[in-house]
Amino acid sequence: MVCHEEALASKQCFGTCFLHSGLPLLLLLSFPPCLLLAQNFNTSVLILQGIEMLSLGSFKTGGILLAGLFVYDIFWVFFTPVMVSVAKSFDAPIKLLFPTADAARPFSMLGLGDIVIPGIFVALALRFDVSRNIKNRYFNSAFLGYTAGMTVTIVVMNWFQAAQPALLYIVPGVTGFVAVHSLWNGEVKPLLEFTETQPEEEGAAEEEDEDSSQSKKVD
């Protein structure tokens, strides 16, 4: 009876230590589906943080950056195997993984830069809408362009069964939709002249005007 109670106590102690040690979580994450979800979750957090913290400043800067990355992505994917081999071998939260039904190619990958860089441009379009008191006009255009570009990327990748530079399709989609929309509305000049420092400068100017008016009243 004593031996049985000691054995029961030792089992309870082991179970308590096991639960508090975090080993169940590690064992759970060791299974491929859970590992996939964990990596995609970490990558999504980095994506959100990147879009929130980074800023292009203006549409001119964004256009130049996207044009450069457009050429960069095409060269490193189509003309060298470096980009694809690094993305496959580097096990870190720098990509989103999507399972496929193909045993030879079990996962489709989407790089961090293919989301963050166009995402910053889409966020810039939203800030432009806010600065002009427009409800998501150019944001919707930029987001729709990104969705169209990503859809084309997936279709072409599955059609040719080969890696594709996502920015080859996303950059024309995002910039093209915004450009056509601004041409249609006749707002090309305000779009190109917009900078993200304008609201801060306007706020500072208003504060200076209020201070000067108050000082005049005191005098």
N, C-alpha and C. Protein backbone atom coordinates (compact mmCIF):
# COMPACT_ATOMS: atom_id res chain seq x y z
N MET A 1 0.83 -1.20 0.00
CA MET A 1 0.00 0.00 0.00
C MET A 1 0.86 1.25 0.00
N VAL A 2 1.93 1.21 0.82
CA VAL A 2 2.84 2.36 0.87
C VAL A 2 3.52 2.55 -0.47
N CYS A 3 3.97 1.45 -1.03
CA CYS A 3 4.64 1.51 -2.32
C CYS A 3 3.71 2.08 -3.39
N HIS A 4 2.43 1.70 -3.32
CA HIS A 4 1.47 2.19 -4.30
C HIS A 4 1.26 3.70 -4.14
N GLU A 5 1.17 4.18 -2.87
CA GLU A 5 0.98 5.61 -2.64
C GLU A 5 2.21 6.40 -3.08
N GLU A 6 3.40 5.86 -2.81
CA GLU A 6 4.62 6.54 -3.24
C GLU A 6 4.70 6.62 -4.76
N ALA A 7 4.29 5.52 -5.40
CA ALA A 7 4.32 5.52 -6.86
C ALA A 7 3.32 6.53 -7.42
N LEU A 8 2.12 6.59 -6.77
CA LEU A 8 1.11 7.55 -7.21
C LEU A 8 1.59 8.98 -7.02
N ALA A 9 2.23 9.24 -5.88
CA ALA A 9 2.75 10.59 -5.60
C ALA A 9 3.83 10.97 -6.59
N SER A 10 4.71 10.00 -6.91
CA SER A 10 5.78 10.29 -7.85
C SER A 10 5.22 10.57 -9.24
N LYS A 11 4.16 9.86 -9.61
CA LYS A 11 3.53 10.11 -10.91
C LYS A 11 2.89 11.49 -10.96
N GLN A 12 2.24 11.87 -9.84
CA GLN A 12 1.62 13.20 -9.79
C GLN A 12 2.67 14.29 -9.84
N CYS A 13 3.77 14.07 -9.13
CA CYS A 13 4.87 15.04 -9.14
C CYS A 13 5.46 15.17 -10.54
N PHE A 14 5.65 14.04 -11.21
CA PHE A 14 6.20 14.06 -12.56
C PHE A 14 5.25 14.78 -13.52
N GLY A 15 3.94 14.52 -13.35
CA GLY A 15 2.96 15.17 -14.22
C GLY A 15 2.94 16.67 -14.02
N THR A 16 3.03 17.11 -12.76
CA THR A 16 3.04 18.54 -12.47
C THR A 16 4.27 19.21 -13.05
N CYS A 17 5.43 18.59 -12.84
CA CYS A 17 6.68 19.14 -13.38
C CYS A 17 6.66 19.17 -14.90
N PHE A 18 6.07 18.11 -15.47
CA PHE A 18 6.01 18.02 -16.92
C PHE A 18 5.17 19.15 -17.51
N LEU A 19 4.03 19.44 -16.86
CA LEU A 19 3.14 20.47 -17.36
C LEU A 19 3.76 21.86 -17.21
N HIS A 20 4.41 22.08 -16.06
CA HIS A 20 4.98 23.40 -15.80
C HIS A 20 6.29 23.64 -16.54
N SER A 21 6.90 22.60 -17.06
CA SER A 21 8.18 22.77 -17.74
C SER A 21 8.03 23.29 -19.16
N GLY A 22 6.82 23.27 -19.72
CA GLY A 22 6.62 23.71 -21.09
C GLY A 22 6.90 22.65 -22.12
N LEU A 23 7.23 21.45 -21.69
CA LEU A 23 7.52 20.37 -22.64
C LEU A 23 6.31 20.00 -23.50
N PRO A 24 5.08 20.02 -22.96
CA PRO A 24 3.95 19.72 -23.84
C PRO A 24 3.86 20.66 -25.03
N LEU A 25 4.16 21.95 -24.79
CA LEU A 25 4.13 22.90 -25.90
C LEU A 25 5.22 22.58 -26.92
N LEU A 26 6.41 22.24 -26.42
CA LEU A 26 7.49 21.89 -27.34
C LEU A 26 7.18 20.63 -28.13
N LEU A 27 6.60 19.64 -27.47
CA LEU A 27 6.23 18.41 -28.17
C LEU A 27 5.12 18.68 -29.18
N LEU A 28 4.18 19.56 -28.80
CA LEU A 28 3.10 19.89 -29.72
C LEU A 28 3.64 20.59 -30.96
N LEU A 29 4.57 21.53 -30.73
CA LEU A 29 5.13 22.27 -31.85
C LEU A 29 6.09 21.45 -32.69
N SER A 30 6.49 20.28 -32.19
CA SER A 30 7.39 19.43 -32.96
C SER A 30 6.67 18.72 -34.10
N PHE A 31 5.33 18.65 -34.03
CA PHE A 31 4.59 18.05 -35.12
C PHE A 31 4.54 19.03 -36.29
N PRO A 32 4.68 18.56 -37.53
CA PRO A 32 4.75 19.45 -38.69
C PRO A 32 3.63 20.47 -38.81
N PRO A 33 2.34 20.09 -38.63
CA PRO A 33 1.29 21.12 -38.76
C PRO A 33 1.43 22.24 -37.74
N CYS A 34 1.74 21.88 -36.51
CA CYS A 34 1.89 22.90 -35.46
C CYS A 34 3.13 23.75 -35.70
N LEU A 35 4.19 23.11 -36.18
CA LEU A 35 5.42 23.86 -36.49
C LEU A 35 5.16 24.86 -37.60
N LEU A 36 4.38 24.44 -38.58
CA LEU A 36 4.02 25.33 -39.69
C LEU A 36 3.22 26.52 -39.19
N LEU A 37 2.23 26.27 -38.32
CA LEU A 37 1.43 27.35 -37.77
C LEU A 37 2.27 28.31 -36.93
N ALA A 38 3.18 27.75 -36.14
CA ALA A 38 4.03 28.59 -35.29
C ALA A 38 4.92 29.49 -36.13
N GLN A 39 5.51 28.95 -37.20
CA GLN A 39 6.38 29.76 -38.05
C GLN A 39 5.59 30.83 -38.78
N ASN A 40 4.43 30.48 -39.28
CA ASN A 40 3.60 31.47 -39.96
C ASN A 40 3.12 32.55 -39.01
N PHE A 41 2.86 32.17 -37.75
CA PHE A 41 2.45 33.16 -36.76
C PHE A 41 3.59 34.15 -36.48
N ASN A 42 4.80 33.64 -36.29
CA ASN A 42 5.95 34.51 -36.03
C ASN A 42 6.22 35.42 -37.22
N THR A 43 6.10 34.87 -38.43
CA THR A 43 6.31 35.68 -39.63
C THR A 43 5.25 36.77 -39.74
N SER A 44 4.00 36.43 -39.41
CA SER A 44 2.91 37.41 -39.47
C SER A 44 3.14 38.55 -38.49
N VAL A 45 3.67 38.24 -37.32
CA VAL A 45 3.97 39.29 -36.33
C VAL A 45 5.03 40.24 -36.87
N LEU A 46 6.07 39.67 -37.49
CA LEU A 46 7.13 40.51 -38.08
C LEU A 46 6.57 41.36 -39.21
N ILE A 47 5.67 40.81 -40.00
CA ILE A 47 5.07 41.56 -41.10
C ILE A 47 4.29 42.76 -40.57
N LEU A 48 3.46 42.53 -39.57
CA LEU A 48 2.66 43.61 -39.00
C LEU A 48 3.53 44.69 -38.37
N GLN A 49 4.57 44.26 -37.66
CA GLN A 49 5.48 45.21 -37.04
C GLN A 49 6.23 46.02 -38.10
N GLY A 50 6.64 45.35 -39.17
CA GLY A 50 7.36 46.04 -40.23
C GLY A 50 6.51 47.08 -40.93
N ILE A 51 5.26 46.73 -41.25
CA ILE A 51 4.37 47.68 -41.92
C ILE A 51 4.03 48.84 -41.00
N GLU A 52 3.91 48.56 -39.70
CA GLU A 52 3.55 49.61 -38.76
C GLU A 52 4.70 50.57 -38.50
N MET A 53 5.93 50.06 -38.44
CA MET A 53 7.07 50.87 -38.03
C MET A 53 7.77 51.55 -39.20
N LEU A 54 7.78 50.93 -40.38
CA LEU A 54 8.51 51.49 -41.51
C LEU A 54 7.64 52.48 -42.27
N SER A 55 8.29 53.44 -42.91
CA SER A 55 7.58 54.48 -43.64
C SER A 55 8.35 54.84 -44.90
N LEU A 56 7.62 55.04 -46.00
CA LEU A 56 8.24 55.42 -47.27
C LEU A 56 8.43 56.92 -47.38
N GLY A 57 7.58 57.69 -46.74
CA GLY A 57 7.70 59.14 -46.78
C GLY A 57 6.88 59.79 -47.87
N SER A 58 6.96 59.25 -49.08
CA SER A 58 6.21 59.83 -50.20
C SER A 58 6.00 58.76 -51.26
N PHE A 59 5.08 59.05 -52.18
CA PHE A 59 4.80 58.10 -53.26
C PHE A 59 5.97 58.05 -54.25
N LYS A 60 6.71 59.14 -54.39
CA LYS A 60 7.89 59.13 -55.26
C LYS A 60 8.93 58.14 -54.74
N THR A 61 9.21 58.21 -53.46
CA THR A 61 10.16 57.28 -52.85
C THR A 61 9.66 55.84 -52.97
N GLY A 62 8.37 55.65 -52.72
CA GLY A 62 7.80 54.32 -52.83
C GLY A 62 7.87 53.77 -54.23
N GLY A 63 7.62 54.60 -55.23
CA GLY A 63 7.70 54.15 -56.61
C GLY A 63 9.11 53.75 -57.01
N ILE A 64 10.09 54.55 -56.59
CA ILE A 64 11.49 54.23 -56.91
C ILE A 64 11.92 52.94 -56.22
N LEU A 65 11.54 52.78 -54.95
CA LEU A 65 11.91 51.58 -54.21
C LEU A 65 11.28 50.34 -54.83
N LEU A 66 10.01 50.40 -55.16
CA LEU A 66 9.33 49.25 -55.74
C LEU A 66 9.87 48.92 -57.12
N ALA A 67 10.24 49.95 -57.90
CA ALA A 67 10.83 49.70 -59.22
C ALA A 67 12.17 48.98 -59.09
N GLY A 68 12.99 49.41 -58.12
CA GLY A 68 14.27 48.75 -57.91
C GLY A 68 14.12 47.31 -57.45
N LEU A 69 13.21 47.08 -56.53
CA LEU A 69 12.97 45.71 -56.05
C LEU A 69 12.30 44.85 -57.11
N PHE A 70 11.56 45.46 -58.01
CA PHE A 70 10.97 44.74 -59.13
C PHE A 70 12.06 44.09 -59.99
N VAL A 71 13.08 44.88 -60.34
CA VAL A 71 14.21 44.35 -61.13
C VAL A 71 15.04 43.37 -60.30
N TYR A 72 15.26 43.70 -59.05
CA TYR A 72 16.05 42.85 -58.15
C TYR A 72 15.43 41.46 -58.02
N ASP A 73 14.13 41.41 -57.79
CA ASP A 73 13.45 40.12 -57.60
C ASP A 73 13.50 39.28 -58.87
N ILE A 74 13.28 39.90 -60.02
CA ILE A 74 13.32 39.16 -61.29
C ILE A 74 14.70 38.56 -61.52
N PHE A 75 15.75 39.33 -61.28
CA PHE A 75 17.11 38.85 -61.53
C PHE A 75 17.46 37.67 -60.63
N TRP A 76 17.20 37.78 -59.32
CA TRP A 76 17.64 36.75 -58.39
C TRP A 76 16.78 35.49 -58.42
N VAL A 77 15.59 35.56 -58.99
CA VAL A 77 14.76 34.37 -59.08
C VAL A 77 14.91 33.68 -60.43
N PHE A 78 14.90 34.46 -61.52
CA PHE A 78 14.94 33.87 -62.86
C PHE A 78 16.35 33.56 -63.34
N PHE A 79 17.33 34.36 -62.95
CA PHE A 79 18.67 34.23 -63.53
C PHE A 79 19.69 33.59 -62.59
N THR A 80 19.36 33.43 -61.33
CA THR A 80 20.25 32.74 -60.39
C THR A 80 19.41 31.86 -59.47
N PRO A 81 19.97 30.76 -58.97
CA PRO A 81 19.23 29.91 -58.03
C PRO A 81 19.39 30.34 -56.57
N VAL A 82 20.04 31.46 -56.33
CA VAL A 82 20.38 31.85 -54.96
C VAL A 82 19.14 32.11 -54.12
N MET A 83 18.23 32.92 -54.64
CA MET A 83 17.06 33.32 -53.87
C MET A 83 16.22 32.12 -53.44
N VAL A 84 15.97 31.21 -54.37
CA VAL A 84 15.13 30.05 -54.07
C VAL A 84 15.82 29.11 -53.10
N SER A 85 17.12 28.87 -53.31
CA SER A 85 17.85 27.94 -52.43
C SER A 85 17.97 28.49 -51.02
N VAL A 86 18.18 29.78 -50.87
CA VAL A 86 18.26 30.39 -49.54
C VAL A 86 16.91 30.32 -48.85
N ALA A 87 15.84 30.62 -49.58
CA ALA A 87 14.50 30.58 -48.98
C ALA A 87 14.14 29.17 -48.53
N LYS A 88 14.58 28.16 -49.26
CA LYS A 88 14.25 26.78 -48.89
C LYS A 88 15.10 26.29 -47.72
N SER A 89 16.36 26.69 -47.67
CA SER A 89 17.26 26.13 -46.67
C SER A 89 17.26 26.92 -45.37
N PHE A 90 16.93 28.20 -45.42
CA PHE A 90 17.00 29.05 -44.23
C PHE A 90 15.72 28.90 -43.43
N ASP A 91 15.81 28.24 -42.29
CA ASP A 91 14.63 27.96 -41.46
C ASP A 91 14.47 29.07 -40.42
N ALA A 92 13.74 30.10 -40.79
CA ALA A 92 13.54 31.25 -39.91
C ALA A 92 12.24 31.93 -40.32
N PRO A 93 11.69 32.80 -39.46
CA PRO A 93 10.44 33.48 -39.80
C PRO A 93 10.63 34.58 -40.84
N ILE A 94 11.06 34.20 -42.03
CA ILE A 94 11.25 35.15 -43.13
C ILE A 94 10.33 34.80 -44.30
N LYS A 95 9.39 33.88 -44.08
CA LYS A 95 8.53 33.44 -45.17
C LYS A 95 7.26 32.83 -44.59
N LEU A 96 6.21 32.88 -45.39
CA LEU A 96 4.97 32.19 -45.06
C LEU A 96 4.90 30.90 -45.87
N LEU A 97 4.53 29.81 -45.21
CA LEU A 97 4.46 28.50 -45.85
C LEU A 97 3.01 28.07 -46.00
N PHE A 98 2.69 27.58 -47.19
CA PHE A 98 1.33 27.11 -47.47
C PHE A 98 1.43 25.68 -47.99
N PRO A 99 0.78 24.73 -47.33
CA PRO A 99 0.84 23.33 -47.77
C PRO A 99 0.15 23.13 -49.12
N THR A 100 0.69 22.22 -49.91
CA THR A 100 0.12 21.88 -51.21
C THR A 100 -0.17 20.39 -51.26
N ALA A 101 -0.87 19.97 -52.30
CA ALA A 101 -1.20 18.55 -52.48
C ALA A 101 -0.12 17.82 -53.26
N ASP A 102 0.93 18.52 -53.68
CA ASP A 102 2.01 17.92 -54.46
C ASP A 102 3.07 17.38 -53.51
N ALA A 103 3.32 16.07 -53.57
CA ALA A 103 4.32 15.46 -52.68
C ALA A 103 5.73 15.93 -53.01
N ALA A 104 6.01 16.19 -54.28
CA ALA A 104 7.35 16.66 -54.66
C ALA A 104 7.59 18.10 -54.22
N ARG A 105 6.53 18.87 -54.06
CA ARG A 105 6.64 20.27 -53.63
C ARG A 105 5.59 20.50 -52.55
N PRO A 106 5.90 20.06 -51.31
CA PRO A 106 4.86 20.07 -50.26
C PRO A 106 4.43 21.46 -49.80
N PHE A 107 5.28 22.47 -50.01
CA PHE A 107 4.95 23.80 -49.52
C PHE A 107 5.17 24.84 -50.62
N SER A 108 4.30 25.85 -50.61
CA SER A 108 4.53 27.06 -51.38
C SER A 108 4.99 28.14 -50.41
N MET A 109 5.94 28.97 -50.85
CA MET A 109 6.53 29.97 -49.97
C MET A 109 6.25 31.37 -50.48
N LEU A 110 6.04 32.28 -49.55
CA LEU A 110 5.90 33.70 -49.85
C LEU A 110 6.85 34.46 -48.93
N GLY A 111 7.81 35.15 -49.53
CA GLY A 111 8.84 35.82 -48.76
C GLY A 111 8.33 37.02 -47.97
N LEU A 112 9.06 37.34 -46.92
CA LEU A 112 8.69 38.47 -46.05
C LEU A 112 8.68 39.78 -46.84
N GLY A 113 9.67 39.97 -47.69
CA GLY A 113 9.75 41.21 -48.46
C GLY A 113 8.63 41.38 -49.46
N ASP A 114 8.06 40.26 -49.93
CA ASP A 114 6.96 40.33 -50.89
C ASP A 114 5.67 40.83 -50.24
N ILE A 115 5.65 40.88 -48.92
CA ILE A 115 4.48 41.37 -48.21
C ILE A 115 4.75 42.73 -47.57
N VAL A 116 5.91 42.87 -46.93
CA VAL A 116 6.19 44.09 -46.17
C VAL A 116 6.36 45.31 -47.07
N ILE A 117 7.18 45.18 -48.13
CA ILE A 117 7.47 46.34 -48.97
C ILE A 117 6.21 46.85 -49.68
N PRO A 118 5.45 45.99 -50.38
CA PRO A 118 4.19 46.50 -50.94
C PRO A 118 3.20 46.93 -49.85
N GLY A 119 3.25 46.26 -48.69
CA GLY A 119 2.36 46.64 -47.58
C GLY A 119 2.62 48.06 -47.09
N ILE A 120 3.89 48.48 -47.10
CA ILE A 120 4.22 49.86 -46.70
C ILE A 120 3.63 50.85 -47.70
N PHE A 121 3.65 50.48 -48.98
CA PHE A 121 3.06 51.34 -50.00
C PHE A 121 1.54 51.43 -49.82
N VAL A 122 0.91 50.31 -49.51
CA VAL A 122 -0.54 50.31 -49.25
C VAL A 122 -0.86 51.17 -48.02
N ALA A 123 -0.02 51.06 -46.98
CA ALA A 123 -0.22 51.89 -45.78
C ALA A 123 -0.05 53.38 -46.11
N LEU A 124 0.88 53.69 -47.01
CA LEU A 124 1.06 55.08 -47.44
C LEU A 124 -0.19 55.60 -48.13
N ALA A 125 -0.83 54.75 -48.94
CA ALA A 125 -2.08 55.15 -49.60
C ALA A 125 -3.17 55.43 -48.57
N LEU A 126 -3.20 54.64 -47.50
CA LEU A 126 -4.19 54.88 -46.44
C LEU A 126 -3.93 56.21 -45.74
N ARG A 127 -2.67 56.53 -45.48
CA ARG A 127 -2.35 57.80 -44.83
C ARG A 127 -2.70 58.99 -45.74
N PHE A 128 -2.54 58.79 -47.04
CA PHE A 128 -2.94 59.85 -47.98
C PHE A 128 -4.45 60.07 -47.92
N ASP A 129 -5.21 59.00 -47.85
CA ASP A 129 -6.67 59.12 -47.71
C ASP A 129 -7.04 59.87 -46.44
N VAL A 130 -6.38 59.52 -45.34
CA VAL A 130 -6.68 60.16 -44.06
C VAL A 130 -6.34 61.65 -44.10
N SER A 131 -5.22 61.99 -44.74
CA SER A 131 -4.81 63.40 -44.79
C SER A 131 -5.79 64.25 -45.59
N ARG A 132 -6.50 63.64 -46.53
CA ARG A 132 -7.46 64.37 -47.37
C ARG A 132 -8.91 64.11 -46.95
N ASN A 133 -9.07 63.44 -45.80
CA ASN A 133 -10.41 63.12 -45.28
C ASN A 133 -11.24 62.32 -46.29
N ILE A 134 -10.55 61.39 -46.95
CA ILE A 134 -11.21 60.49 -47.91
C ILE A 134 -11.29 59.11 -47.28
N LYS A 135 -12.43 58.48 -47.40
CA LYS A 135 -12.63 57.18 -46.77
C LYS A 135 -12.08 56.06 -47.66
N ASN A 136 -10.82 55.67 -47.42
CA ASN A 136 -10.21 54.48 -48.01
C ASN A 136 -10.31 54.43 -49.54
N ARG A 137 -10.15 55.57 -50.19
CA ARG A 137 -10.25 55.57 -51.65
C ARG A 137 -9.02 54.93 -52.28
N TYR A 138 -7.85 55.49 -52.02
CA TYR A 138 -6.63 54.96 -52.63
C TYR A 138 -6.12 53.72 -51.89
N PHE A 139 -6.49 53.60 -50.64
CA PHE A 139 -6.16 52.37 -49.92
C PHE A 139 -6.83 51.17 -50.57
N ASN A 140 -8.10 51.32 -50.93
CA ASN A 140 -8.81 50.22 -51.59
C ASN A 140 -8.17 49.88 -52.94
N SER A 141 -7.74 50.91 -53.67
CA SER A 141 -7.09 50.67 -54.96
C SER A 141 -5.78 49.92 -54.78
N ALA A 142 -4.96 50.36 -53.82
CA ALA A 142 -3.68 49.71 -53.59
C ALA A 142 -3.86 48.28 -53.10
N PHE A 143 -4.81 48.08 -52.20
CA PHE A 143 -5.06 46.74 -51.68
C PHE A 143 -5.61 45.82 -52.76
N LEU A 144 -6.49 46.34 -53.60
CA LEU A 144 -7.02 45.55 -54.70
C LEU A 144 -5.92 45.19 -55.69
N GLY A 145 -5.00 46.14 -55.94
CA GLY A 145 -3.87 45.86 -56.82
C GLY A 145 -2.97 44.78 -56.25
N TYR A 146 -2.74 44.82 -54.94
CA TYR A 146 -1.93 43.78 -54.31
C TYR A 146 -2.62 42.42 -54.42
N THR A 147 -3.92 42.39 -54.19
CA THR A 147 -4.67 41.13 -54.29
C THR A 147 -4.62 40.57 -55.70
N ALA A 148 -4.78 41.45 -56.70
CA ALA A 148 -4.71 41.00 -58.10
C ALA A 148 -3.32 40.47 -58.43
N GLY A 149 -2.28 41.18 -57.99
CA GLY A 149 -0.92 40.72 -58.25
C GLY A 149 -0.61 39.39 -57.60
N MET A 150 -1.07 39.21 -56.37
CA MET A 150 -0.84 37.94 -55.68
C MET A 150 -1.61 36.80 -56.34
N THR A 151 -2.81 37.10 -56.81
CA THR A 151 -3.60 36.07 -57.51
C THR A 151 -2.89 35.62 -58.78
N VAL A 152 -2.38 36.57 -59.54
CA VAL A 152 -1.65 36.23 -60.77
C VAL A 152 -0.40 35.42 -60.44
N THR A 153 0.29 35.78 -59.36
CA THR A 153 1.48 35.04 -58.95
C THR A 153 1.16 33.57 -58.67
N ILE A 154 0.09 33.34 -57.93
CA ILE A 154 -0.29 31.96 -57.58
C ILE A 154 -0.69 31.18 -58.83
N VAL A 155 -1.43 31.83 -59.72
CA VAL A 155 -1.87 31.14 -60.95
C VAL A 155 -0.67 30.77 -61.82
N VAL A 156 0.24 31.71 -62.02
CA VAL A 156 1.42 31.45 -62.87
C VAL A 156 2.32 30.40 -62.22
N MET A 157 2.50 30.47 -60.91
CA MET A 157 3.36 29.50 -60.21
C MET A 157 2.81 28.08 -60.36
N ASN A 158 1.51 27.92 -60.19
CA ASN A 158 0.91 26.59 -60.33
C ASN A 158 0.85 26.13 -61.78
N TRP A 159 0.75 27.07 -62.70
CA TRP A 159 0.69 26.71 -64.12
C TRP A 159 2.04 26.18 -64.60
N PHE A 160 3.12 26.89 -64.25
CA PHE A 160 4.46 26.50 -64.71
C PHE A 160 5.19 25.59 -63.72
N GLN A 161 4.62 25.40 -62.52
CA GLN A 161 5.23 24.56 -61.50
C GLN A 161 6.68 24.98 -61.24
N ALA A 162 6.87 26.28 -61.08
CA ALA A 162 8.21 26.82 -60.86
C ALA A 162 8.10 28.06 -59.99
N ALA A 163 9.20 28.38 -59.30
CA ALA A 163 9.23 29.56 -58.44
C ALA A 163 9.06 30.83 -59.28
N GLN A 164 8.33 31.78 -58.72
CA GLN A 164 8.06 33.03 -59.41
C GLN A 164 8.45 34.21 -58.53
N PRO A 165 9.02 35.26 -59.13
CA PRO A 165 9.27 36.49 -58.36
C PRO A 165 7.94 37.22 -58.13
N ALA A 166 7.46 37.18 -56.91
CA ALA A 166 6.14 37.73 -56.62
C ALA A 166 6.04 39.21 -56.95
N LEU A 167 7.15 39.96 -56.76
CA LEU A 167 7.11 41.39 -57.03
C LEU A 167 6.97 41.69 -58.51
N LEU A 168 7.24 40.72 -59.37
CA LEU A 168 7.02 40.89 -60.81
C LEU A 168 5.55 41.18 -61.10
N TYR A 169 4.67 40.64 -60.30
CA TYR A 169 3.23 40.81 -60.51
C TYR A 169 2.61 41.77 -59.49
N ILE A 170 3.17 41.83 -58.28
CA ILE A 170 2.59 42.66 -57.23
C ILE A 170 2.89 44.14 -57.47
N VAL A 171 4.12 44.47 -57.85
CA VAL A 171 4.50 45.88 -58.04
C VAL A 171 3.66 46.55 -59.13
N PRO A 172 3.51 45.95 -60.33
CA PRO A 172 2.61 46.60 -61.31
C PRO A 172 1.17 46.68 -60.84
N GLY A 173 0.73 45.68 -60.06
CA GLY A 173 -0.63 45.71 -59.56
C GLY A 173 -0.87 46.86 -58.60
N VAL A 174 0.01 46.99 -57.60
CA VAL A 174 -0.17 48.03 -56.58
C VAL A 174 -0.01 49.42 -57.18
N THR A 175 1.12 49.65 -57.85
CA THR A 175 1.38 50.98 -58.41
C THR A 175 0.43 51.31 -59.56
N GLY A 176 0.11 50.29 -60.37
CA GLY A 176 -0.77 50.53 -61.50
C GLY A 176 -2.18 50.92 -61.09
N PHE A 177 -2.73 50.22 -60.12
CA PHE A 177 -4.08 50.54 -59.66
C PHE A 177 -4.15 51.94 -59.06
N VAL A 178 -3.14 52.30 -58.26
CA VAL A 178 -3.13 53.64 -57.65
C VAL A 178 -2.94 54.71 -58.72
N ALA A 179 -2.05 54.45 -59.69
CA ALA A 179 -1.79 55.43 -60.75
C ALA A 179 -3.04 55.66 -61.60
N VAL A 180 -3.70 54.59 -62.01
CA VAL A 180 -4.91 54.72 -62.83
C VAL A 180 -6.01 55.44 -62.05
N HIS A 181 -6.13 55.13 -60.78
CA HIS A 181 -7.16 55.77 -59.94
C HIS A 181 -6.90 57.27 -59.80
N SER A 182 -5.63 57.63 -59.60
CA SER A 182 -5.31 59.05 -59.45
C SER A 182 -5.50 59.80 -60.78
N LEU A 183 -5.19 59.14 -61.91
CA LEU A 183 -5.43 59.76 -63.21
C LEU A 183 -6.92 59.96 -63.44
N TRP A 184 -7.70 58.98 -63.06
CA TRP A 184 -9.15 59.05 -63.25
C TRP A 184 -9.76 60.19 -62.43
N ASN A 185 -9.24 60.40 -61.21
CA ASN A 185 -9.77 61.44 -60.33
C ASN A 185 -9.08 62.79 -60.54
N GLY A 186 -8.06 62.83 -61.38
CA GLY A 186 -7.33 64.07 -61.60
C GLY A 186 -6.55 64.53 -60.39
N GLU A 187 -6.01 63.58 -59.62
CA GLU A 187 -5.29 63.90 -58.39
C GLU A 187 -3.84 63.42 -58.42
N VAL A 188 -3.26 63.43 -59.60
CA VAL A 188 -1.87 62.97 -59.73
C VAL A 188 -0.92 63.92 -58.99
N LYS A 189 -1.11 65.22 -59.16
CA LYS A 189 -0.21 66.18 -58.52
C LYS A 189 -0.29 66.12 -57.00
N PRO A 190 -1.48 66.14 -56.39
CA PRO A 190 -1.53 65.99 -54.91
C PRO A 190 -0.93 64.68 -54.43
N LEU A 191 -1.11 63.62 -55.23
CA LEU A 191 -0.56 62.32 -54.83
C LEU A 191 0.96 62.35 -54.81
N LEU A 192 1.57 62.94 -55.84
CA LEU A 192 3.03 62.98 -55.92
C LEU A 192 3.63 63.98 -54.94
N GLU A 193 2.88 65.01 -54.59
CA GLU A 193 3.40 66.02 -53.67
C GLU A 193 3.20 65.64 -52.21
N PHE A 194 2.43 64.59 -51.96
CA PHE A 194 2.13 64.20 -50.58
C PHE A 194 3.37 63.63 -49.90
N THR A 195 3.60 64.05 -48.67
CA THR A 195 4.64 63.48 -47.82
C THR A 195 4.02 63.19 -46.46
N GLU A 196 4.55 62.19 -45.79
CA GLU A 196 3.98 61.80 -44.50
C GLU A 196 4.32 62.77 -43.39
N THR A 197 5.17 63.75 -43.65
CA THR A 197 5.49 64.77 -42.64
C THR A 197 4.53 65.94 -42.71
N GLN A 198 3.66 65.98 -43.70
CA GLN A 198 2.74 67.11 -43.84
C GLN A 198 1.82 67.30 -42.64
N PRO A 199 1.18 66.24 -42.13
CA PRO A 199 0.32 66.45 -40.96
C PRO A 199 1.06 67.01 -39.76
N GLU A 200 2.33 66.55 -39.56
CA GLU A 200 3.12 67.06 -38.43
C GLU A 200 3.45 68.54 -38.63
N GLU A 201 3.84 68.90 -39.90
CA GLU A 201 4.17 70.29 -40.16
C GLU A 201 2.96 71.19 -40.00
N GLU A 202 1.79 70.70 -40.49
CA GLU A 202 0.58 71.50 -40.34
C GLU A 202 0.21 71.66 -38.87
N GLY A 203 0.37 70.60 -38.08
CA GLY A 203 0.08 70.70 -36.66
C GLY A 203 1.01 71.67 -35.96
N ALA A 204 2.30 71.63 -36.33
CA ALA A 204 3.26 72.56 -35.74
C ALA A 204 2.93 74.00 -36.12
N ALA A 205 2.51 74.21 -37.39
CA ALA A 205 2.16 75.56 -37.82
C ALA A 205 0.93 76.08 -37.07
N GLU A 206 -0.05 75.21 -36.87
CA GLU A 206 -1.24 75.62 -36.12
C GLU A 206 -0.89 75.98 -34.68
N GLU A 207 0.01 75.21 -34.07
CA GLU A 207 0.41 75.52 -32.70
C GLU A 207 1.14 76.86 -32.64
N GLU A 208 1.99 77.14 -33.64
CA GLU A 208 2.69 78.43 -33.67
C GLU A 208 1.71 79.58 -33.83
N ASP A 209 0.70 79.37 -34.69
CA ASP A 209 -0.32 80.42 -34.88
C ASP A 209 -1.09 80.68 -33.59
N GLU A 210 -1.43 79.61 -32.88
CA GLU A 210 -2.15 79.78 -31.62
C GLU A 210 -1.29 80.50 -30.59
N ASP A 211 0.01 80.14 -30.52
CA ASP A 211 0.91 80.81 -29.57
C ASP A 211 1.06 82.28 -29.90
N SER A 212 1.20 82.58 -31.20
CA SER A 212 1.37 83.98 -31.59
C SER A 212 0.11 84.80 -31.30
N SER A 213 -1.06 84.19 -31.54
CA SER A 213 -2.32 84.90 -31.27
C SER A 213 -2.49 85.15 -29.78
N GLN A 214 -2.11 84.18 -28.96
CA GLN A 214 -2.20 84.35 -27.51
C GLN A 214 -1.24 85.43 -27.01
N SER A 215 -0.05 85.46 -27.59
CA SER A 215 0.92 86.47 -27.17
C SER A 215 0.45 87.87 -27.56
N LYS A 216 -0.22 87.98 -28.72
CA LYS A 216 -0.75 89.27 -29.13
C LYS A 216 -1.85 89.75 -28.17
N LYS A 217 -2.69 88.78 -27.75
CA LYS A 217 -3.75 89.15 -26.82
C LYS A 217 -3.16 89.63 -25.50
N VAL A 218 -2.08 88.99 -25.06
CA VAL A 218 -1.44 89.41 -23.80
C VAL A 218 -0.87 90.79 -23.92
N ASP A 219 -0.24 91.09 -25.08
CA ASP A 219 0.34 92.41 -25.30
C ASP A 219 -0.78 93.48 -25.34
